Amino acid sequence: MKDYIEERATTIANYIIENNATVRQTARQFGISKSTVHKDVTDRLGTINPTLARQVRIVLDVNKSERHIRGGLATREKYLHAGAK
């Protein structure tokens, strides 16, 4: 694996852990696709730094368990603002 990919995966992982960020937020922050973020932290990071990969997995699992709540709140906001126009 190329050095810049390993460095990117580690940097992304640290960002996710420090900010409790979602894959989408992380992709936006680094200017890369969601699939690249996901591939880096789920597949590549496991071979680079297994301990860091486990920490990221915890954050991603929490985000996954809360996503239906976030989606409902986003939809609620959308319709609250649509009615105000």
N, C-alpha and C. Protein backbone atom coordinates (compact mmCIF):
# COMPACT_ATOMS: atom_id res chain seq x y z
N MET A 1 0.85 -1.18 0.00
CA MET A 1 0.00 0.00 0.00
C MET A 1 0.89 1.24 0.00
N LYS A 2 0.47 2.24 -0.72
CA LYS A 2 1.27 3.46 -0.83
C LYS A 2 1.23 4.24 0.48
N ASP A 3 2.31 4.96 0.73
CA ASP A 3 2.45 5.71 1.98
C ASP A 3 1.36 6.73 2.18
N TYR A 4 1.00 7.46 1.10
CA TYR A 4 0.00 8.51 1.26
C TYR A 4 -1.38 7.93 1.61
N ILE A 5 -1.65 6.72 1.17
CA ILE A 5 -2.93 6.09 1.52
C ILE A 5 -2.94 5.72 3.00
N GLU A 6 -1.83 5.18 3.49
CA GLU A 6 -1.73 4.84 4.91
C GLU A 6 -1.85 6.08 5.78
N GLU A 7 -1.19 7.15 5.35
CA GLU A 7 -1.26 8.41 6.10
C GLU A 7 -2.67 8.97 6.10
N ARG A 8 -3.35 8.93 4.94
CA ARG A 8 -4.72 9.42 4.83
C ARG A 8 -5.65 8.61 5.72
N ALA A 9 -5.51 7.29 5.71
CA ALA A 9 -6.37 6.43 6.53
C ALA A 9 -6.20 6.75 8.01
N THR A 10 -4.97 6.95 8.43
CA THR A 10 -4.70 7.28 9.84
C THR A 10 -5.26 8.65 10.20
N THR A 11 -5.07 9.62 9.33
CA THR A 11 -5.57 10.97 9.57
C THR A 11 -7.10 10.98 9.65
N ILE A 12 -7.73 10.27 8.73
CA ILE A 12 -9.20 10.17 8.72
C ILE A 12 -9.70 9.51 10.00
N ALA A 13 -9.03 8.45 10.41
CA ALA A 13 -9.44 7.74 11.63
C ALA A 13 -9.35 8.65 12.85
N ASN A 14 -8.26 9.38 12.96
CA ASN A 14 -8.11 10.30 14.09
C ASN A 14 -9.18 11.38 14.07
N TYR A 15 -9.53 11.88 12.90
CA TYR A 15 -10.58 12.89 12.78
C TYR A 15 -11.93 12.33 13.24
N ILE A 16 -12.24 11.13 12.82
CA ILE A 16 -13.52 10.52 13.20
C ILE A 16 -13.59 10.33 14.71
N ILE A 17 -12.52 9.86 15.30
CA ILE A 17 -12.50 9.61 16.75
C ILE A 17 -12.59 10.93 17.53
N GLU A 18 -11.81 11.92 17.15
CA GLU A 18 -11.77 13.19 17.88
C GLU A 18 -13.09 13.95 17.79
N ASN A 19 -13.78 13.87 16.64
CA ASN A 19 -14.98 14.67 16.41
C ASN A 19 -16.27 13.86 16.44
N ASN A 20 -16.18 12.57 16.71
CA ASN A 20 -17.35 11.69 16.61
C ASN A 20 -18.06 11.92 15.28
N ALA A 21 -17.29 12.05 14.23
CA ALA A 21 -17.81 12.41 12.92
C ALA A 21 -18.40 11.21 12.20
N THR A 22 -19.35 11.50 11.34
CA THR A 22 -19.92 10.48 10.47
C THR A 22 -19.03 10.34 9.24
N VAL A 23 -19.28 9.29 8.47
CA VAL A 23 -18.53 9.09 7.23
C VAL A 23 -18.79 10.26 6.29
N ARG A 24 -20.02 10.71 6.23
CA ARG A 24 -20.39 11.82 5.34
C ARG A 24 -19.68 13.11 5.75
N GLN A 25 -19.66 13.41 7.04
CA GLN A 25 -18.98 14.61 7.52
C GLN A 25 -17.47 14.54 7.23
N THR A 26 -16.91 13.37 7.42
CA THR A 26 -15.48 13.18 7.19
C THR A 26 -15.14 13.35 5.71
N ALA A 27 -15.97 12.79 4.85
CA ALA A 27 -15.74 12.92 3.41
C ALA A 27 -15.78 14.37 2.99
N ARG A 28 -16.73 15.11 3.51
CA ARG A 28 -16.84 16.53 3.18
C ARG A 28 -15.61 17.29 3.68
N GLN A 29 -15.16 16.98 4.88
CA GLN A 29 -14.01 17.66 5.47
C GLN A 29 -12.73 17.45 4.66
N PHE A 30 -12.53 16.23 4.17
CA PHE A 30 -11.29 15.90 3.47
C PHE A 30 -11.41 16.00 1.95
N GLY A 31 -12.61 16.27 1.45
CA GLY A 31 -12.79 16.42 0.02
C GLY A 31 -12.64 15.13 -0.76
N ILE A 32 -13.05 14.03 -0.15
CA ILE A 32 -13.00 12.72 -0.80
C ILE A 32 -14.37 12.08 -0.72
N SER A 33 -14.56 10.96 -1.41
CA SER A 33 -15.87 10.32 -1.43
C SER A 33 -16.13 9.54 -0.15
N LYS A 34 -17.41 9.31 0.11
CA LYS A 34 -17.81 8.52 1.27
C LYS A 34 -17.26 7.10 1.17
N SER A 35 -17.25 6.56 -0.05
CA SER A 35 -16.76 5.19 -0.21
C SER A 35 -15.26 5.10 0.08
N THR A 36 -14.51 6.15 -0.23
CA THR A 36 -13.08 6.16 0.08
C THR A 36 -12.87 6.21 1.58
N VAL A 37 -13.63 7.03 2.27
CA VAL A 37 -13.54 7.11 3.74
C VAL A 37 -13.85 5.75 4.33
N HIS A 38 -14.93 5.15 3.89
CA HIS A 38 -15.35 3.86 4.44
C HIS A 38 -14.30 2.79 4.17
N LYS A 39 -13.78 2.74 2.96
CA LYS A 39 -12.75 1.76 2.59
C LYS A 39 -11.49 1.95 3.44
N ASP A 40 -11.10 3.22 3.63
CA ASP A 40 -9.90 3.50 4.42
C ASP A 40 -10.04 3.03 5.86
N VAL A 41 -11.17 3.34 6.49
CA VAL A 41 -11.28 3.05 7.92
C VAL A 41 -11.77 1.63 8.23
N THR A 42 -12.38 0.95 7.28
CA THR A 42 -12.84 -0.41 7.56
C THR A 42 -11.85 -1.46 7.06
N ASP A 43 -11.34 -1.29 5.86
CA ASP A 43 -10.45 -2.30 5.29
C ASP A 43 -8.97 -1.99 5.52
N ARG A 44 -8.54 -0.86 5.05
CA ARG A 44 -7.11 -0.54 5.05
C ARG A 44 -6.56 -0.32 6.46
N LEU A 45 -7.31 0.34 7.30
CA LEU A 45 -6.82 0.69 8.63
C LEU A 45 -6.58 -0.56 9.48
N GLY A 46 -7.33 -1.61 9.23
CA GLY A 46 -7.15 -2.85 9.99
C GLY A 46 -5.77 -3.44 9.84
N THR A 47 -5.16 -3.28 8.68
CA THR A 47 -3.81 -3.79 8.48
C THR A 47 -2.75 -2.79 8.92
N ILE A 48 -3.08 -1.51 8.90
CA ILE A 48 -2.12 -0.47 9.27
C ILE A 48 -2.02 -0.34 10.79
N ASN A 49 -3.18 -0.18 11.43
CA ASN A 49 -3.22 0.05 12.88
C ASN A 49 -4.50 -0.56 13.46
N PRO A 50 -4.46 -1.83 13.85
CA PRO A 50 -5.67 -2.51 14.34
C PRO A 50 -6.32 -1.84 15.56
N THR A 51 -5.52 -1.27 16.44
CA THR A 51 -6.08 -0.61 17.62
C THR A 51 -6.89 0.61 17.23
N LEU A 52 -6.37 1.40 16.33
CA LEU A 52 -7.08 2.58 15.84
C LEU A 52 -8.33 2.17 15.09
N ALA A 53 -8.24 1.07 14.34
CA ALA A 53 -9.40 0.57 13.59
C ALA A 53 -10.54 0.18 14.53
N ARG A 54 -10.21 -0.42 15.67
CA ARG A 54 -11.25 -0.79 16.65
C ARG A 54 -11.91 0.46 17.25
N GLN A 55 -11.12 1.49 17.51
CA GLN A 55 -11.67 2.73 18.07
C GLN A 55 -12.62 3.39 17.07
N VAL A 56 -12.22 3.41 15.80
CA VAL A 56 -13.08 4.00 14.76
C VAL A 56 -14.35 3.19 14.62
N ARG A 57 -14.24 1.87 14.69
CA ARG A 57 -15.41 0.99 14.56
C ARG A 57 -16.44 1.31 15.63
N ILE A 58 -16.00 1.61 16.83
CA ILE A 58 -16.92 1.97 17.92
C ILE A 58 -17.70 3.22 17.56
N VAL A 59 -17.02 4.25 17.07
CA VAL A 59 -17.68 5.50 16.69
C VAL A 59 -18.65 5.26 15.54
N LEU A 60 -18.22 4.50 14.53
CA LEU A 60 -19.08 4.24 13.38
C LEU A 60 -20.30 3.41 13.77
N ASP A 61 -20.14 2.49 14.70
CA ASP A 61 -21.29 1.69 15.16
C ASP A 61 -22.31 2.56 15.89
N VAL A 62 -21.83 3.51 16.70
CA VAL A 62 -22.73 4.43 17.38
C VAL A 62 -23.47 5.28 16.36
N ASN A 63 -22.74 5.80 15.38
CA ASN A 63 -23.37 6.60 14.33
C ASN A 63 -24.42 5.80 13.57
N LYS A 64 -24.11 4.55 13.30
CA LYS A 64 -25.05 3.70 12.57
C LYS A 64 -26.31 3.46 13.40
N SER A 65 -26.15 3.29 14.70
CA SER A 65 -27.31 3.04 15.55
C SER A 65 -28.18 4.29 15.71
N GLU A 66 -27.61 5.47 15.48
CA GLU A 66 -28.36 6.72 15.64
C GLU A 66 -28.85 7.31 14.33
N ARG A 67 -28.50 6.71 13.21
CA ARG A 67 -28.80 7.36 11.93
C ARG A 67 -30.28 7.50 11.65
N HIS A 68 -31.10 6.57 12.11
CA HIS A 68 -32.53 6.69 11.86
C HIS A 68 -33.11 7.88 12.62
N ILE A 69 -32.53 8.19 13.76
CA ILE A 69 -32.99 9.35 14.54
C ILE A 69 -32.59 10.65 13.82
N ARG A 70 -31.33 10.70 13.35
CA ARG A 70 -30.87 11.88 12.62
C ARG A 70 -31.69 12.11 11.36
N GLY A 71 -32.01 11.02 10.67
CA GLY A 71 -32.80 11.14 9.44
C GLY A 71 -34.19 11.69 9.73
N GLY A 72 -34.80 11.23 10.80
CA GLY A 72 -36.12 11.72 11.18
C GLY A 72 -36.09 13.20 11.54
N LEU A 73 -35.05 13.60 12.25
CA LEU A 73 -34.93 15.02 12.63
C LEU A 73 -34.70 15.89 11.40
N ALA A 74 -33.91 15.40 10.45
CA ALA A 74 -33.65 16.16 9.23
C ALA A 74 -34.95 16.32 8.42
N THR A 75 -35.73 15.27 8.35
CA THR A 75 -36.99 15.34 7.63
C THR A 75 -37.95 16.30 8.33
N ARG A 76 -37.97 16.26 9.62
CA ARG A 76 -38.83 17.17 10.40
C ARG A 76 -38.45 18.62 10.13
N GLU A 77 -37.15 18.91 10.17
CA GLU A 77 -36.68 20.27 9.89
C GLU A 77 -37.05 20.69 8.48
N LYS A 78 -36.90 19.79 7.54
CA LYS A 78 -37.23 20.10 6.14
C LYS A 78 -38.67 20.56 6.01
N TYR A 79 -39.57 19.84 6.64
CA TYR A 79 -40.99 20.18 6.50
C TYR A 79 -41.39 21.37 7.36
N LEU A 80 -40.70 21.61 8.47
CA LEU A 80 -40.96 22.80 9.26
C LEU A 80 -40.59 24.05 8.47
N HIS A 81 -39.46 23.99 7.77
CA HIS A 81 -39.02 25.14 6.97
C HIS A 81 -39.85 25.30 5.70
N ALA A 82 -40.31 24.20 5.16
CA ALA A 82 -41.13 24.27 3.94
C ALA A 82 -42.47 24.94 4.23
N GLY A 83 -43.01 24.72 5.41
CA GLY A 83 -44.30 25.33 5.79
C GLY A 83 -44.19 26.80 6.07
N ALA A 84 -42.99 27.28 6.39
CA ALA A 84 -42.79 28.70 6.72
C ALA A 84 -42.71 29.57 5.48
N LYS A 85 -42.53 28.97 4.32
CA LYS A 85 -42.38 29.77 3.09
C LYS A 85 -43.67 30.25 2.54
